[in-house]
Amino acid sequence: MEFYIVILYLLVILVNLLIILQIINEVKMRRIEGNFLDSVSIIVPIKGEDERLEGNILSLLSQNYPYPYEVIYVVDKGDDVEKVLRKYNVRVVYSDYNCEACSGKIKAQLSGLKYASYNVIVFADSDTWYPKDWLYKLVRPLDKFTATTTFSWPSPSKLSLSNLLRAGFWTLGFESQSLENSRFLWGGSMAFRKSFFNKDVIDELSKEWCDDCTLTRIVKRNNGKIGFLMNCVPLNVYDEKDLVKWSSRQIITILAYSPRGAKAYLVAGTFFTFILVYSIVFLNLVTFTPYILWIVKNVIRGIDYPKNAMIASLMTILAIPYALFLLIYNWNRREVYWRGRKYIVKPLS
């Protein structure tokens, strides 16, 4: 056997072992619990009517939570979505916080904080459906962590090529969560004690574009701990109309807020793309085994949603090289478009 093939096989074996260790860590994360409970204010920024919005609203109103909680939707004045929200037992407030440098989402979150009545703050997304035990499982470990979070599973409303590729791409958000030092908050599901949001935190948020990236930085800078939960994964409900623009926004955000993560994916994505091409060209099952384990890993992550789990897991085969291409293409770009607005995402100093 030629030397380079031996090296390639050894690398494949090493990668397979790392994926197995990742699976073991993530299974353990499904058992994270705690003993903290208190009243909760759920703050949901919204702009326009999302796919299957009313089902998402009902999922937040139907939480099995033993303490009082309120659902606060934050809208822009004149947004027609307010008419939909008024049909339900939610608080509707306007996005009126004064921060010129922040994104529309952060402005809405800071506006919602002004009206929050309770001792725990939870941020949610309007395009996401939440299982009934999500709030309970998210809040309970706050006696062990500064903040808790989870990541959603993709749920395309129809099976178009853009939706399928986005599903595979979306699962890449789980990849850094099994290790505590690389863990990050996801804006559609994160919980804090209200006391976390002191003047310094609010001032820093008010100058930023990315809410969860900034909050992750603040927690880690203050030696706090982030608890990532695998046992209350919600569903991101979508019908993607502009896949390249949407996925480029995710990539550019990572480039600006997590340059180390971007460089790590540049290496990992190149390796996985190479072995994919090699496996196809030479019909080599051994070099394809990391993809098989990757699919297994994703099926386990989405185990509560079997159909969606299988769709997204299989699509990671295409999503990994797609993400690599976008990473290289957007390496020096910092301009993104989100919810009808243009932003310049500045690199961290």
Protein backbone atom coordinates (compact mmCIF):
# COMPACT_ATOMS: atom_id res chain seq x y z
CA MET A 1 0.00 0.00 0.00
CA GLU A 2 1.37 3.42 -0.94
CA PHE A 3 2.55 5.73 1.82
CA TYR A 4 0.00 8.51 1.17
CA ILE A 5 -2.88 6.00 1.39
CA VAL A 6 -1.61 4.77 4.76
CA ILE A 7 -1.50 8.38 6.02
CA LEU A 8 -4.99 9.02 4.66
CA TYR A 9 -6.38 5.90 6.37
CA LEU A 10 -4.75 6.88 9.66
CA LEU A 11 -6.32 10.35 9.42
CA VAL A 12 -9.70 8.78 8.66
CA ILE A 13 -9.39 6.51 11.72
CA LEU A 14 -8.47 9.50 13.90
CA VAL A 15 -11.42 11.53 12.62
CA ASN A 16 -13.76 8.59 13.21
CA LEU A 17 -12.58 8.33 16.82
CA LEU A 18 -13.13 12.06 17.34
CA ILE A 19 -16.67 11.82 15.94
CA ILE A 20 -17.43 8.88 18.25
CA LEU A 21 -16.18 10.88 21.24
CA GLN A 22 -18.36 13.79 20.12
CA ILE A 23 -21.40 11.51 19.96
CA ILE A 24 -20.68 10.22 23.49
CA ASN A 25 -20.35 13.78 24.84
CA GLU A 26 -23.60 14.87 23.20
CA VAL A 27 -25.50 11.87 24.59
CA LYS A 28 -24.26 12.86 28.07
CA MET A 29 -25.50 16.42 27.42
CA ARG A 30 -29.03 15.03 27.07
CA ARG A 31 -28.89 14.28 30.81
CA ILE A 32 -28.02 17.79 32.03
CA GLU A 33 -30.49 18.84 34.74
CA GLY A 34 -30.74 21.31 37.61
CA ASN A 35 -32.90 22.50 40.49
CA PHE A 36 -33.58 26.11 39.58
CA LEU A 37 -37.06 27.42 38.85
CA ASP A 38 -38.51 30.93 38.84
CA SER A 39 -40.94 33.10 36.92
CA VAL A 40 -39.90 33.75 33.30
CA SER A 41 -40.23 36.48 30.70
CA ILE A 42 -39.86 35.07 27.17
CA ILE A 43 -38.85 37.83 24.75
CA VAL A 44 -39.47 37.22 21.03
CA PRO A 45 -38.34 39.77 18.42
CA ILE A 46 -40.45 39.59 15.27
CA LYS A 47 -40.44 41.32 11.90
CA GLY A 48 -43.04 40.26 9.36
CA GLU A 49 -44.99 37.02 9.39
CA ASP A 50 -42.86 33.89 9.61
CA GLU A 51 -43.65 30.50 8.13
CA ARG A 52 -46.35 28.78 10.26
CA LEU A 53 -46.18 31.64 12.76
CA GLU A 54 -49.38 30.82 14.63
CA GLY A 55 -48.20 27.31 15.41
CA ASN A 56 -44.97 28.77 16.80
CA ILE A 57 -46.93 31.20 18.98
CA LEU A 58 -49.10 28.40 20.35
CA SER A 59 -46.02 26.33 21.16
CA LEU A 60 -44.74 29.11 23.45
CA LEU A 61 -48.14 29.50 25.09
CA SER A 62 -48.40 25.75 25.74
CA GLN A 63 -45.29 25.19 27.83
CA ASN A 64 -45.46 22.74 30.75
CA TYR A 65 -43.92 25.13 33.24
CA PRO A 66 -44.93 25.21 36.93
CA TYR A 67 -44.14 28.89 37.54
CA PRO A 68 -45.74 31.97 35.97
CA TYR A 69 -44.32 33.00 32.62
CA GLU A 70 -45.14 35.66 30.06
CA VAL A 71 -44.54 35.78 26.30
CA ILE A 72 -43.50 39.22 25.02
CA TYR A 73 -43.42 39.82 21.26
CA VAL A 74 -41.50 42.91 20.18
CA VAL A 75 -42.61 44.48 16.89
CA ASP A 76 -41.96 47.59 14.83
CA LYS A 77 -44.83 50.06 14.75
CA GLY A 78 -46.88 49.56 11.59
CA ASP A 79 -45.85 45.92 11.07
CA ASP A 80 -48.93 43.96 9.95
CA VAL A 81 -47.82 40.97 12.01
CA GLU A 82 -49.19 42.78 15.06
CA LYS A 83 -52.71 41.86 13.92
CA VAL A 84 -51.82 38.17 14.11
CA LEU A 85 -50.19 38.54 17.54
CA ARG A 86 -53.20 40.35 19.00
CA LYS A 87 -55.29 37.19 18.48
CA TYR A 88 -53.32 35.44 21.22
CA ASN A 89 -52.66 35.85 24.92
CA VAL A 90 -49.23 37.42 24.48
CA ARG A 91 -47.88 40.85 25.36
CA VAL A 92 -47.12 42.97 22.31
CA VAL A 93 -44.67 45.86 22.76
CA TYR A 94 -42.92 48.12 20.28
CA SER A 95 -39.21 48.11 19.48
CA ASP A 96 -38.31 51.50 20.91
CA TYR A 97 -34.89 51.11 22.52
CA ASN A 98 -32.50 53.83 21.36
CA CYS A 99 -29.41 52.16 19.88
CA GLU A 100 -28.31 53.34 16.45
CA ALA A 101 -25.35 50.96 16.15
CA CYS A 102 -27.22 47.76 17.08
CA SER A 103 -29.10 45.36 14.84
CA GLY A 104 -32.88 45.35 14.67
CA LYS A 105 -32.97 42.11 16.64
CA ILE A 106 -30.86 43.47 19.50
CA LYS A 107 -32.94 46.64 19.55
CA ALA A 108 -36.04 44.47 19.94
CA GLN A 109 -34.45 42.36 22.67
CA LEU A 110 -33.39 45.42 24.65
CA SER A 111 -36.86 46.88 24.19
CA GLY A 112 -38.40 43.67 25.51
CA LEU A 113 -36.11 43.77 28.55
CA LYS A 114 -37.66 47.10 29.57
CA TYR A 115 -41.08 45.47 29.82
CA ALA A 116 -40.04 42.12 31.30
CA SER A 117 -41.84 41.45 34.60
CA TYR A 118 -40.10 38.33 35.86
CA ASN A 119 -36.76 37.13 37.25
CA VAL A 120 -35.58 34.95 34.38
CA ILE A 121 -35.07 36.23 30.84
CA VAL A 122 -35.43 33.81 27.95
CA PHE A 123 -34.91 34.84 24.33
CA ALA A 124 -36.78 32.96 21.62
CA ASP A 125 -37.20 33.29 17.85
CA SER A 126 -40.46 33.88 16.03
CA ASP A 127 -39.63 31.33 13.30
CA THR A 128 -39.20 28.47 15.78
CA TRP A 129 -41.56 25.86 17.22
CA TYR A 130 -40.88 24.80 20.83
CA PRO A 131 -41.67 21.43 22.47
CA LYS A 132 -43.79 21.54 25.62
CA ASP A 133 -40.92 20.82 28.01
CA TRP A 134 -38.48 23.26 26.40
CA LEU A 135 -38.85 26.08 28.95
CA TYR A 136 -38.70 23.77 31.96
CA LYS A 137 -35.56 22.00 30.77
CA LEU A 138 -33.90 25.25 29.67
CA VAL A 139 -34.41 27.07 32.99
CA ARG A 140 -33.71 24.25 35.47
CA PRO A 141 -29.89 24.18 35.02
CA LEU A 142 -29.47 27.92 35.76
CA ASP A 143 -28.26 26.93 39.23
CA LYS A 144 -25.19 25.44 37.53
CA PHE A 145 -24.62 27.78 34.59
CA THR A 146 -24.52 31.52 33.88
CA ALA A 147 -26.65 30.90 30.80
CA THR A 148 -28.30 27.91 29.17
CA THR A 149 -29.03 27.32 25.53
CA THR A 150 -29.88 24.73 22.92
CA PHE A 151 -29.90 24.69 19.13
CA SER A 152 -32.88 24.10 16.90
CA TRP A 153 -33.36 21.32 14.38
CA PRO A 154 -34.26 22.32 10.79
CA SER A 155 -37.86 21.78 9.75
CA PRO A 156 -38.45 22.81 6.10
CA SER A 157 -42.08 23.44 5.27
CA LYS A 158 -41.57 21.93 1.82
CA LEU A 159 -38.90 19.76 0.20
CA SER A 160 -37.20 22.15 -2.23
CA LEU A 161 -33.49 21.95 -3.05
CA SER A 162 -32.81 25.20 -1.16
CA ASN A 163 -34.68 23.95 1.90
CA LEU A 164 -32.88 20.61 1.86
CA LEU A 165 -29.44 22.16 1.55
CA ARG A 166 -30.23 24.65 4.29
CA ALA A 167 -31.28 21.74 6.51
CA GLY A 168 -27.89 20.10 6.17
CA PHE A 169 -26.08 23.42 6.59
CA TRP A 170 -28.07 24.24 9.74
CA THR A 171 -26.89 21.13 11.58
CA LEU A 172 -23.30 22.44 11.43
CA GLY A 173 -24.29 24.77 14.27
CA PHE A 174 -24.04 21.82 16.68
CA GLU A 175 -20.42 21.02 15.87
CA SER A 176 -18.65 23.11 18.53
CA GLN A 177 -21.14 22.50 21.35
CA SER A 178 -19.83 19.27 22.87
CA LEU A 179 -16.69 21.00 24.22
CA GLU A 180 -17.24 23.64 26.89
CA ASN A 181 -14.50 26.01 25.76
CA SER A 182 -15.90 26.23 22.21
CA ARG A 183 -19.56 26.39 23.22
CA PHE A 184 -21.74 29.33 22.18
CA LEU A 185 -25.25 30.63 22.82
CA TRP A 186 -27.94 30.39 20.15
CA GLY A 187 -30.23 33.40 20.01
CA GLY A 188 -33.43 31.43 19.50
CA SER A 189 -33.16 29.63 22.82
CA MET A 190 -31.11 31.13 25.65
CA ALA A 191 -31.91 31.73 29.31
CA PHE A 192 -30.36 34.04 31.94
CA ARG A 193 -31.18 35.34 35.37
CA LYS A 194 -32.46 38.88 34.89
CA SER A 195 -29.64 40.23 37.10
CA PHE A 196 -27.18 39.25 34.35
CA PHE A 197 -28.35 42.23 32.29
CA ASN A 198 -26.62 45.02 34.18
CA LYS A 199 -25.78 48.40 32.65
CA ASP A 200 -22.45 47.22 31.23
CA VAL A 201 -24.02 44.24 29.46
CA ILE A 202 -26.82 46.35 28.00
CA ASP A 203 -24.36 49.04 26.85
CA GLU A 204 -22.19 46.46 25.12
CA LEU A 205 -25.15 44.80 23.44
CA SER A 206 -26.41 48.15 22.18
CA LYS A 207 -23.28 48.54 20.02
CA GLU A 208 -23.37 45.12 18.37
CA TRP A 209 -24.96 43.35 15.42
CA CYS A 210 -25.05 39.74 16.66
CA ASP A 211 -26.95 39.11 19.89
CA ASP A 212 -25.88 35.56 20.75
CA CYS A 213 -22.27 36.13 19.66
CA THR A 214 -22.00 39.15 21.95
CA LEU A 215 -23.68 37.44 24.90
CA THR A 216 -21.41 34.42 24.46
CA ARG A 217 -18.37 36.72 24.57
CA ILE A 218 -19.62 38.47 27.71
CA VAL A 219 -20.35 35.21 29.56
CA LYS A 220 -16.94 33.75 28.75
CA ARG A 221 -15.05 36.98 29.47
CA ASN A 222 -16.54 36.98 32.97
CA ASN A 223 -15.56 33.32 33.48
CA GLY A 224 -19.17 32.22 33.30
CA LYS A 225 -20.37 28.83 32.10
CA ILE A 226 -22.73 28.01 29.25
CA GLY A 227 -24.95 24.95 29.59
CA PHE A 228 -25.89 23.39 26.26
CA LEU A 229 -28.93 21.11 26.36
CA MET A 230 -29.65 18.31 23.90
CA ASN A 231 -32.93 17.23 25.53
CA CYS A 232 -35.18 20.16 24.53
CA VAL A 233 -34.29 20.86 20.90
CA PRO A 234 -36.90 23.06 19.15
CA LEU A 235 -37.68 23.18 15.42
CA ASN A 236 -36.62 25.98 13.09
CA VAL A 237 -39.54 26.26 10.65
CA TYR A 238 -38.67 27.83 7.29
CA ASP A 239 -39.15 28.01 3.55
CA GLU A 240 -35.85 29.37 2.21
CA LYS A 241 -36.14 31.74 -0.77
CA ASP A 242 -32.54 32.98 -0.97
CA LEU A 243 -30.21 30.27 0.29
CA VAL A 244 -26.90 31.88 -0.69
CA LYS A 245 -27.72 35.19 0.98
CA TRP A 246 -29.01 33.47 4.13
CA SER A 247 -26.07 31.07 4.48
CA SER A 248 -23.53 33.78 3.61
CA ARG A 249 -24.90 35.81 6.52
CA GLN A 250 -24.21 32.92 8.87
CA ILE A 251 -20.68 32.51 7.50
CA ILE A 252 -19.83 36.22 7.67
CA THR A 253 -21.06 36.36 11.27
CA ILE A 254 -18.72 33.48 12.18
CA LEU A 255 -15.82 35.16 10.36
CA ALA A 256 -16.34 38.35 12.37
CA TYR A 257 -17.20 36.96 15.80
CA SER A 258 -15.36 33.62 15.80
CA PRO A 259 -12.31 33.80 13.50
CA ARG A 260 -10.74 30.79 15.24
CA GLY A 261 -13.86 28.76 14.52
CA ALA A 262 -13.75 29.88 10.87
CA LYS A 263 -10.11 28.79 10.53
CA ALA A 264 -10.89 25.46 12.20
CA TYR A 265 -13.69 24.82 9.70
CA LEU A 266 -11.41 25.80 6.83
CA VAL A 267 -9.14 22.89 7.80
CA ALA A 268 -11.91 20.43 8.72
CA GLY A 269 -14.09 21.32 5.74
CA THR A 270 -11.18 20.92 3.33
CA PHE A 271 -10.41 17.47 4.72
CA PHE A 272 -14.03 16.31 4.56
CA THR A 273 -14.48 17.66 1.05
CA PHE A 274 -11.31 15.88 -0.06
CA ILE A 275 -12.36 12.51 1.36
CA LEU A 276 -15.82 12.91 -0.17
CA VAL A 277 -14.33 13.43 -3.63
CA TYR A 278 -11.79 10.67 -3.06
CA SER A 279 -14.47 8.21 -1.91
CA ILE A 280 -16.62 8.90 -4.97
CA VAL A 281 -13.79 8.82 -7.51
CA PHE A 282 -12.18 5.65 -6.14
CA LEU A 283 -15.36 4.03 -4.76
CA ASN A 284 -13.63 3.75 -1.40
CA LEU A 285 -15.94 2.91 1.50
CA VAL A 286 -13.19 3.27 4.14
CA THR A 287 -12.60 6.95 3.41
CA PHE A 288 -16.37 7.53 3.41
CA THR A 289 -16.80 6.20 6.98
CA PRO A 290 -16.48 9.68 8.60
CA TYR A 291 -19.57 10.73 6.64
CA ILE A 292 -21.43 7.65 7.79
CA LEU A 293 -20.59 8.47 11.42
CA TRP A 294 -21.48 12.11 10.80
CA ILE A 295 -24.92 11.03 9.59
CA VAL A 296 -25.35 8.81 12.66
CA LYS A 297 -24.33 11.72 14.89
CA ASN A 298 -26.98 13.97 13.35
CA VAL A 299 -29.69 11.32 13.50
CA ILE A 300 -29.07 11.04 17.26
CA ARG A 301 -29.18 14.84 17.62
CA GLY A 302 -32.57 15.02 15.91
CA ILE A 303 -33.90 11.79 17.39
CA ASP A 304 -37.07 13.49 18.68
CA TYR A 305 -38.00 14.34 15.07
CA PRO A 306 -37.22 11.16 13.05
CA LYS A 307 -38.29 12.38 9.59
CA ASN A 308 -36.58 15.75 9.90
CA ALA A 309 -33.53 14.09 11.45
CA MET A 310 -33.00 11.79 8.47
CA ILE A 311 -33.50 14.54 5.89
CA ALA A 312 -31.03 16.95 7.47
CA SER A 313 -28.52 14.22 8.32
CA LEU A 314 -28.28 12.98 4.74
CA MET A 315 -28.02 16.53 3.41
CA THR A 316 -24.89 17.18 5.46
CA ILE A 317 -23.03 15.23 2.75
CA LEU A 318 -23.63 18.20 0.43
CA ALA A 319 -23.72 20.89 3.11
CA ILE A 320 -20.14 20.36 4.31
CA PRO A 321 -18.49 21.23 0.96
CA TYR A 322 -21.12 23.94 0.36
CA ALA A 323 -20.19 25.61 3.65
CA LEU A 324 -16.49 25.37 2.76
CA PHE A 325 -17.09 27.07 -0.58
CA LEU A 326 -19.05 29.89 1.07
CA LEU A 327 -16.41 30.31 3.76
CA ILE A 328 -13.70 30.84 1.16
CA TYR A 329 -15.92 33.04 -1.01
CA ASN A 330 -16.89 35.30 1.90
CA TRP A 331 -13.52 35.30 3.68
CA ASN A 332 -12.98 39.07 3.36
CA ARG A 333 -16.62 40.15 3.19
CA ARG A 334 -18.36 41.85 6.11
CA GLU A 335 -21.55 43.15 4.48
CA VAL A 336 -24.78 41.28 5.19
CA TYR A 337 -28.49 41.77 4.55
CA TRP A 338 -31.00 40.75 7.20
CA ARG A 339 -34.73 41.38 7.41
CA GLY A 340 -34.54 44.12 4.78
CA ARG A 341 -31.58 45.98 6.31
CA LYS A 342 -27.92 46.18 5.36
CA TYR A 343 -25.28 45.73 8.06
CA ILE A 344 -21.50 46.00 8.12
CA VAL A 345 -20.28 43.34 10.52
CA LYS A 346 -17.10 44.65 12.10
CA PRO A 347 -14.37 42.19 13.16
CA LEU A 348 -13.78 41.91 16.88
CA SER A 349 -10.94 44.06 18.20
